[in-house]
Amino acid sequence: MAIAYGDTQRHKPNPEPRLLAASQMKINPEECVYVGDAISDFEAATSAGMKFVMYTEGETVAQTSVDSFEALPPLINSL
């Protein structure tokens, strides 16, 4: 399942694409973890009511961040 740019009229930082994805997967937004690498990803996820993990090697606006893909599964499981 994928949400493409043309699937919604509004785009990040608007939460509409994330909410559409959650709806299509029949998952409540609060149960979702969105991983992104930009402030607009953080804004979109928090506006949608989703947990957020920032993928970065530098400073972050997010409460939770990682700098390797290997670190994602255990971190997501801990949320």
PDB file of N, CA and C in Angstrom:
ATOM      1  N   MET A   1       0.841  -1.167   0.000  1.00  0.00           N
ATOM      2  CA  MET A   1       0.000   0.000   0.000  1.00  0.00           C
ATOM      3  C   MET A   1       0.886   1.229   0.000  1.00  0.00           C
ATOM      4  N   ALA A   2       0.554   2.173  -0.848  1.00  0.00           N
ATOM      5  CA  ALA A   2       1.325   3.407  -0.913  1.00  0.00           C
ATOM      6  C   ALA A   2       0.381   4.579  -1.161  1.00  0.00           C
ATOM      7  N   ILE A   3       0.769   5.712  -0.633  1.00  0.00           N
ATOM      8  CA  ILE A   3       0.037   6.953  -0.888  1.00  0.00           C
ATOM      9  C   ILE A   3       0.943   7.818  -1.752  1.00  0.00           C
ATOM     10  N   ALA A   4       0.470   8.197  -2.919  1.00  0.00           N
ATOM     11  CA  ALA A   4       1.240   9.028  -3.841  1.00  0.00           C
ATOM     12  C   ALA A   4       0.820  10.493  -3.709  1.00  0.00           C
ATOM     13  N   TYR A   5       1.631  11.376  -4.232  1.00  0.00           N
ATOM     14  CA  TYR A   5       1.394  12.817  -4.153  1.00  0.00           C
ATOM     15  C   TYR A   5      -0.018  13.183  -4.627  1.00  0.00           C
ATOM     16  N   GLY A   6      -0.483  12.570  -5.700  1.00  0.00           N
ATOM     17  CA  GLY A   6      -1.782  12.909  -6.268  1.00  0.00           C
ATOM     18  C   GLY A   6      -2.984  12.321  -5.540  1.00  0.00           C
ATOM     19  N   ASP A   7      -2.737  11.526  -4.523  1.00  0.00           N
ATOM     20  CA  ASP A   7      -3.842  10.896  -3.793  1.00  0.00           C
ATOM     21  C   ASP A   7      -4.565  11.850  -2.848  1.00  0.00           C
ATOM     22  N   THR A   8      -3.930  12.956  -2.501  1.00  0.00           N
ATOM     23  CA  THR A   8      -4.555  13.945  -1.623  1.00  0.00           C
ATOM     24  C   THR A   8      -4.334  15.332  -2.207  1.00  0.00           C
ATOM     25  N   GLN A   9      -5.181  16.260  -1.817  1.00  0.00           N
ATOM     26  CA  GLN A   9      -5.030  17.631  -2.302  1.00  0.00           C
ATOM     27  C   GLN A   9      -4.038  18.417  -1.462  1.00  0.00           C
ATOM     28  N   ARG A  10      -3.927  18.072  -0.190  1.00  0.00           N
ATOM     29  CA  ARG A  10      -3.001  18.779   0.703  1.00  0.00           C
ATOM     30  C   ARG A  10      -1.818  17.876   1.021  1.00  0.00           C
ATOM     31  N   HIS A  11      -0.684  18.491   1.212  1.00  0.00           N
ATOM     32  CA  HIS A  11       0.553  17.738   1.398  1.00  0.00           C
ATOM     33  C   HIS A  11       1.286  18.252   2.629  1.00  0.00           C
ATOM     34  N   LYS A  12       2.345  17.526   3.026  1.00  0.00           N
ATOM     35  CA  LYS A  12       3.034  17.893   4.260  1.00  0.00           C
ATOM     36  C   LYS A  12       3.497  19.340   4.215  1.00  0.00           C
ATOM     37  N   PRO A  13       3.339  20.010   5.326  1.00  0.00           N
ATOM     38  CA  PRO A  13       3.137  19.481   6.666  1.00  0.00           C
ATOM     39  C   PRO A  13       1.685  19.183   7.029  1.00  0.00           C
ATOM     40  N   ASN A  14       0.751  19.267   6.094  1.00  0.00           N
ATOM     41  CA  ASN A  14      -0.631  18.895   6.368  1.00  0.00           C
ATOM     42  C   ASN A  14      -0.702  17.391   6.621  1.00  0.00           C
ATOM     43  N   PRO A  15      -1.491  16.946   7.570  1.00  0.00           N
ATOM     44  CA  PRO A  15      -1.531  15.518   7.906  1.00  0.00           C
ATOM     45  C   PRO A  15      -2.366  14.656   6.963  1.00  0.00           C
ATOM     46  N   GLU A  16      -3.028  15.251   5.978  1.00  0.00           N
ATOM     47  CA  GLU A  16      -3.976  14.496   5.152  1.00  0.00           C
ATOM     48  C   GLU A  16      -3.404  13.194   4.557  1.00  0.00           C
ATOM     49  N   PRO A  17      -2.213  13.181   3.947  1.00  0.00           N
ATOM     50  CA  PRO A  17      -1.712  11.905   3.401  1.00  0.00           C
ATOM     51  C   PRO A  17      -1.471  10.844   4.472  1.00  0.00           C
ATOM     52  N   ARG A  18      -1.006  11.232   5.638  1.00  0.00           N
ATOM     53  CA  ARG A  18      -0.773  10.267   6.704  1.00  0.00           C
ATOM     54  C   ARG A  18      -2.080   9.711   7.237  1.00  0.00           C
ATOM     55  N   LEU A  19      -3.080  10.571   7.358  1.00  0.00           N
ATOM     56  CA  LEU A  19      -4.396  10.120   7.823  1.00  0.00           C
ATOM     57  C   LEU A  19      -5.040   9.192   6.799  1.00  0.00           C
ATOM     58  N   LEU A  20      -4.847   9.462   5.521  1.00  0.00           N
ATOM     59  CA  LEU A  20      -5.373   8.584   4.478  1.00  0.00           C
ATOM     60  C   LEU A  20      -4.701   7.211   4.562  1.00  0.00           C
ATOM     61  N   ALA A  21      -3.398   7.191   4.747  1.00  0.00           N
ATOM     62  CA  ALA A  21      -2.682   5.916   4.864  1.00  0.00           C
ATOM     63  C   ALA A  21      -3.187   5.119   6.058  1.00  0.00           C
ATOM     64  N   ALA A  22      -3.333   5.765   7.196  1.00  0.00           N
ATOM     65  CA  ALA A  22      -3.834   5.079   8.393  1.00  0.00           C
ATOM     66  C   ALA A  22      -5.235   4.533   8.146  1.00  0.00           C
ATOM     67  N   SER A  23      -6.065   5.333   7.511  1.00  0.00           N
ATOM     68  CA  SER A  23      -7.439   4.909   7.218  1.00  0.00           C
ATOM     69  C   SER A  23      -7.449   3.692   6.295  1.00  0.00           C
ATOM     70  N   GLN A  24      -6.631   3.714   5.258  1.00  0.00           N
ATOM     71  CA  GLN A  24      -6.595   2.590   4.315  1.00  0.00           C
ATOM     72  C   GLN A  24      -6.077   1.313   4.976  1.00  0.00           C
ATOM     73  N   MET A  25      -5.211   1.464   5.964  1.00  0.00           N
ATOM     74  CA  MET A  25      -4.690   0.293   6.674  1.00  0.00           C
ATOM     75  C   MET A  25      -5.581  -0.100   7.852  1.00  0.00           C
ATOM     76  N   LYS A  26      -6.639   0.704   8.066  1.00  0.00           N
ATOM     77  CA  LYS A  26      -7.569   0.470   9.181  1.00  0.00           C
ATOM     78  C   LYS A  26      -6.838   0.483  10.527  1.00  0.00           C
ATOM     79  N   ILE A  27      -5.965   1.496  10.685  1.00  0.00           N
ATOM     80  CA  ILE A  27      -5.185   1.687  11.906  1.00  0.00           C
ATOM     81  C   ILE A  27      -5.472   3.079  12.433  1.00  0.00           C
ATOM     82  N   ASN A  28      -5.643   3.206  13.743  1.00  0.00           N
ATOM     83  CA  ASN A  28      -5.801   4.522  14.339  1.00  0.00           C
ATOM     84  C   ASN A  28      -4.480   5.280  14.239  1.00  0.00           C
ATOM     85  N   PRO A  29      -4.523   6.582  13.935  1.00  0.00           N
ATOM     86  CA  PRO A  29      -3.281   7.365  13.833  1.00  0.00           C
ATOM     87  C   PRO A  29      -2.399   7.255  15.077  1.00  0.00           C
ATOM     88  N   GLU A  30      -3.005   7.135  16.260  1.00  0.00           N
ATOM     89  CA  GLU A  30      -2.231   7.048  17.499  1.00  0.00           C
ATOM     90  C   GLU A  30      -1.397   5.770  17.552  1.00  0.00           C
ATOM     91  N   GLU A  31      -1.761   4.777  16.737  1.00  0.00           N
ATOM     92  CA  GLU A  31      -1.036   3.507  16.707  1.00  0.00           C
ATOM     93  C   GLU A  31       0.099   3.512  15.678  1.00  0.00           C
ATOM     94  N   CYS A  32       0.218   4.586  14.914  1.00  0.00           N
ATOM     95  CA  CYS A  32       1.211   4.680  13.847  1.00  0.00           C
ATOM     96  C   CYS A  32       2.498   5.340  14.334  1.00  0.00           C
ATOM     97  N   VAL A  33       3.603   4.908  13.736  1.00  0.00           N
ATOM     98  CA  VAL A  33       4.890   5.557  13.939  1.00  0.00           C
ATOM     99  C   VAL A  33       5.360   6.015  12.571  1.00  0.00           C
ATOM    100  N   TYR A  34       5.544   7.302  12.423  1.00  0.00           N
ATOM    101  CA  TYR A  34       5.996   7.877  11.152  1.00  0.00           C
ATOM    102  C   TYR A  34       7.475   8.204  11.283  1.00  0.00           C
ATOM    103  N   VAL A  35       8.271   7.706  10.333  1.00  0.00           N
ATOM    104  CA  VAL A  35       9.710   7.964  10.328  1.00  0.00           C
ATOM    105  C   VAL A  35       9.992   8.954   9.204  1.00  0.00           C
ATOM    106  N   GLY A  36      10.659  10.049   9.555  1.00  0.00           N
ATOM    107  CA  GLY A  36      10.972  11.051   8.557  1.00  0.00           C
ATOM    108  C   GLY A  36      12.301  11.718   8.841  1.00  0.00           C
ATOM    109  N   ASP A  37      12.722  12.556   7.888  1.00  0.00           N
ATOM    110  CA  ASP A  37      14.015  13.203   8.032  1.00  0.00           C
ATOM    111  C   ASP A  37      13.952  14.720   7.901  1.00  0.00           C
ATOM    112  N   ALA A  38      12.751  15.268   8.007  1.00  0.00           N
ATOM    113  CA  ALA A  38      12.595  16.713   7.845  1.00  0.00           C
ATOM    114  C   ALA A  38      11.617  17.266   8.882  1.00  0.00           C
ATOM    115  N   ILE A  39      11.734  18.553   9.134  1.00  0.00           N
ATOM    116  CA  ILE A  39      10.817  19.208  10.078  1.00  0.00           C
ATOM    117  C   ILE A  39       9.379  19.085   9.588  1.00  0.00           C
ATOM    118  N   SER A  40       9.176  19.157   8.266  1.00  0.00           N
ATOM    119  CA  SER A  40       7.816  19.021   7.740  1.00  0.00           C
ATOM    120  C   SER A  40       7.255  17.628   8.022  1.00  0.00           C
ATOM    121  N   ASP A  41       8.100  16.600   8.077  1.00  0.00           N
ATOM    122  CA  ASP A  41       7.648  15.259   8.456  1.00  0.00           C
ATOM    123  C   ASP A  41       7.180  15.250   9.911  1.00  0.00           C
ATOM    124  N   PHE A  42       7.973  15.871  10.777  1.00  0.00           N
ATOM    125  CA  PHE A  42       7.626  15.984  12.198  1.00  0.00           C
ATOM    126  C   PHE A  42       6.286  16.700  12.368  1.00  0.00           C
ATOM    127  N   GLU A  43       6.116  17.817  11.666  1.00  0.00           N
ATOM    128  CA  GLU A  43       4.872  18.594  11.764  1.00  0.00           C
ATOM    129  C   GLU A  43       3.686  17.789  11.263  1.00  0.00           C
ATOM    130  N   ALA A  44       3.856  17.075  10.155  1.00  0.00           N
ATOM    131  CA  ALA A  44       2.762  16.285   9.592  1.00  0.00           C
ATOM    132  C   ALA A  44       2.373  15.148  10.529  1.00  0.00           C
ATOM    133  N   ALA A  45       3.352  14.454  11.070  1.00  0.00           N
ATOM    134  CA  ALA A  45       3.065  13.333  11.969  1.00  0.00           C
ATOM    135  C   ALA A  45       2.377  13.802  13.244  1.00  0.00           C
ATOM    136  N   THR A  46       2.892  14.848  13.857  1.00  0.00           N
ATOM    137  CA  THR A  46       2.285  15.312  15.101  1.00  0.00           C
ATOM    138  C   THR A  46       0.890  15.886  14.852  1.00  0.00           C
ATOM    139  N   SER A  47       0.692  16.534  13.705  1.00  0.00           N
ATOM    140  CA  SER A  47      -0.649  17.040  13.366  1.00  0.00           C
ATOM    141  C   SER A  47      -1.637  15.896  13.159  1.00  0.00           C
ATOM    142  N   ALA A  48      -1.132  14.759  12.697  1.00  0.00           N
ATOM    143  CA  ALA A  48      -1.991  13.594  12.476  1.00  0.00           C
ATOM    144  C   ALA A  48      -2.212  12.798  13.755  1.00  0.00           C
ATOM    145  N   GLY A  49      -1.489  13.144  14.817  1.00  0.00           N
ATOM    146  CA  GLY A  49      -1.617  12.409  16.071  1.00  0.00           C
ATOM    147  C   GLY A  49      -0.780  11.142  16.112  1.00  0.00           C
ATOM    148  N   MET A  50       0.234  11.068  15.259  1.00  0.00           N
ATOM    149  CA  MET A  50       1.094   9.891  15.180  1.00  0.00           C
ATOM    150  C   MET A  50       2.378  10.089  15.974  1.00  0.00           C
ATOM    151  N   LYS A  51       2.954   8.977  16.394  1.00  0.00           N
ATOM    152  CA  LYS A  51       4.286   9.034  16.987  1.00  0.00           C
ATOM    153  C   LYS A  51       5.270   9.329  15.856  1.00  0.00           C
ATOM    154  N   PHE A  52       6.410   9.919  16.195  1.00  0.00           N
ATOM    155  CA  PHE A  52       7.369  10.300  15.164  1.00  0.00           C
ATOM    156  C   PHE A  52       8.784   9.944  15.584  1.00  0.00           C
ATOM    157  N   VAL A  53       9.537   9.419  14.626  1.00  0.00           N
ATOM    158  CA  VAL A  53      10.956   9.156  14.817  1.00  0.00           C
ATOM    159  C   VAL A  53      11.698   9.916  13.723  1.00  0.00           C
ATOM    160  N   MET A  54      12.644  10.731  14.117  1.00  0.00           N
ATOM    161  CA  MET A  54      13.446  11.474  13.148  1.00  0.00           C
ATOM    162  C   MET A  54      14.676  10.644  12.804  1.00  0.00           C
ATOM    163  N   TYR A  55      14.893  10.459  11.505  1.00  0.00           N
ATOM    164  CA  TYR A  55      16.088   9.781  11.018  1.00  0.00           C
ATOM    165  C   TYR A  55      17.103  10.869  10.683  1.00  0.00           C
ATOM    166  N   THR A  56      18.126  10.980  11.506  1.00  0.00           N
ATOM    167  CA  THR A  56      19.101  12.046  11.322  1.00  0.00           C
ATOM    168  C   THR A  56      20.411  11.709  12.012  1.00  0.00           C
ATOM    169  N   GLU A  57      21.473  12.280  11.515  1.00  0.00           N
ATOM    170  CA  GLU A  57      22.767  12.173  12.175  1.00  0.00           C
ATOM    171  C   GLU A  57      23.108  13.466  12.904  1.00  0.00           C
ATOM    172  N   GLY A  58      22.219  14.447  12.790  1.00  0.00           N
ATOM    173  CA  GLY A  58      22.465  15.742  13.414  1.00  0.00           C
ATOM    174  C   GLY A  58      21.450  16.071  14.484  1.00  0.00           C
ATOM    175  N   GLU A  59      21.237  17.360  14.680  1.00  0.00           N
ATOM    176  CA  GLU A  59      20.261  17.810  15.668  1.00  0.00           C
ATOM    177  C   GLU A  59      18.856  17.480  15.192  1.00  0.00           C
ATOM    178  N   THR A  60      17.957  17.409  16.146  1.00  0.00           N
ATOM    179  CA  THR A  60      16.590  17.008  15.824  1.00  0.00           C
ATOM    180  C   THR A  60      15.568  17.832  16.594  1.00  0.00           C
ATOM    181  N   VAL A  61      14.400  17.978  16.014  1.00  0.00           N
ATOM    182  CA  VAL A  61      13.280  18.628  16.692  1.00  0.00           C
ATOM    183  C   VAL A  61      12.418  17.580  17.392  1.00  0.00           C
ATOM    184  N   ALA A  62      12.673  16.324  17.081  1.00  0.00           N
ATOM    185  CA  ALA A  62      11.847  15.236  17.595  1.00  0.00           C
ATOM    186  C   ALA A  62      12.353  14.755  18.951  1.00  0.00           C
ATOM    187  N   GLN A  63      11.448  14.198  19.695  1.00  0.00           N
ATOM    188  CA  GLN A  63      11.787  13.624  20.985  1.00  0.00           C
ATOM    189  C   GLN A  63      12.574  12.325  20.800  1.00  0.00           C
ATOM    190  N   THR A  64      12.331  11.651  19.688  1.00  0.00           N
ATOM    191  CA  THR A  64      12.965  10.375  19.412  1.00  0.00           C
ATOM    192  C   THR A  64      13.646  10.431  18.052  1.00  0.00           C
ATOM    193  N   SER A  65      14.898   9.961  17.995  1.00  0.00           N
ATOM    194  CA  SER A  65      15.618   9.960  16.728  1.00  0.00           C
ATOM    195  C   SER A  65      16.563   8.774  16.649  1.00  0.00           C
ATOM    196  N   VAL A  66      16.930   8.427  15.422  1.00  0.00           N
ATOM    197  CA  VAL A  66      17.900   7.366  15.156  1.00  0.00           C
ATOM    198  C   VAL A  66      18.826   7.820  14.045  1.00  0.00           C
ATOM    199  N   ASP A  67      19.984   7.177  13.962  1.00  0.00           N
ATOM    200  CA  ASP A  67      20.906   7.506  12.880  1.00  0.00           C
ATOM    201  C   ASP A  67      21.292   6.274  12.059  1.00  0.00           C
ATOM    202  N   SER A  68      20.537   5.180  12.260  1.00  0.00           N
ATOM    203  CA  SER A  68      20.755   3.983  11.440  1.00  0.00           C
ATOM    204  C   SER A  68      19.439   3.229  11.297  1.00  0.00           C
ATOM    205  N   PHE A  69      19.287   2.574  10.162  1.00  0.00           N
ATOM    206  CA  PHE A  69      18.071   1.803   9.937  1.00  0.00           C
ATOM    207  C   PHE A  69      18.001   0.599  10.876  1.00  0.00           C
ATOM    208  N   GLU A  70      19.144   0.069  11.261  1.00  0.00           N
ATOM    209  CA  GLU A  70      19.170  -1.077  12.165  1.00  0.00           C
ATOM    210  C   GLU A  70      18.574  -0.732  13.529  1.00  0.00           C
ATOM    211  N   ALA A  71      18.659   0.532  13.913  1.00  0.00           N
ATOM    212  CA  ALA A  71      18.138   0.960  15.219  1.00  0.00           C
ATOM    213  C   ALA A  71      16.623   1.140  15.220  1.00  0.00           C
ATOM    214  N   LEU A  72      16.007   1.188  14.050  1.00  0.00           N
ATOM    215  CA  LEU A  72      14.563   1.458  13.982  1.00  0.00           C
ATOM    216  C   LEU A  72      13.681   0.387  14.626  1.00  0.00           C
ATOM    217  N   PRO A  73      13.809  -0.891  14.289  1.00  0.00           N
ATOM    218  CA  PRO A  73      12.875  -1.876  14.859  1.00  0.00           C
ATOM    219  C   PRO A  73      12.820  -1.881  16.387  1.00  0.00           C
ATOM    220  N   PRO A  74      13.966  -1.935  17.090  1.00  0.00           N
ATOM    221  CA  PRO A  74      13.847  -1.937  18.555  1.00  0.00           C
ATOM    222  C   PRO A  74      13.281  -0.631  19.103  1.00  0.00           C
ATOM    223  N   LEU A  75      13.603   0.481  18.444  1.00  0.00           N
ATOM    224  CA  LEU A  75      13.064   1.757  18.907  1.00  0.00           C
ATOM    225  C   LEU A  75      11.551   1.808  18.716  1.00  0.00           C
ATOM    226  N   ILE A  76      11.083   1.409  17.554  1.00  0.00           N
ATOM    227  CA  ILE A  76       9.640   1.413  17.298  1.00  0.00           C
ATOM    228  C   ILE A  76       8.921   0.473  18.265  1.00  0.00           C
ATOM    229  N   ASN A  77       9.504  -0.681  18.541  1.00  0.00           N
ATOM    230  CA  ASN A  77       8.893  -1.615  19.491  1.00  0.00           C
ATOM    231  C   ASN A  77       8.806  -1.025  20.895  1.00  0.00           C
ATOM    232  N   SER A  78       9.689  -0.103  21.217  1.00  0.00           N
ATOM    233  CA  SER A  78       9.683   0.484  22.558  1.00  0.00           C
ATOM    234  C   SER A  78       8.678   1.621  22.705  1.00  0.00           C
ATOM    235  N   LEU A  79       8.142   2.100  21.583  1.00  0.00           N
ATOM    236  CA  LEU A  79       7.222   3.236  21.666  1.00  0.00           C
ATOM    237  C   LEU A  79       5.866   2.801  22.107  1.00  0.00           C
TER     238      LEU A  79
END
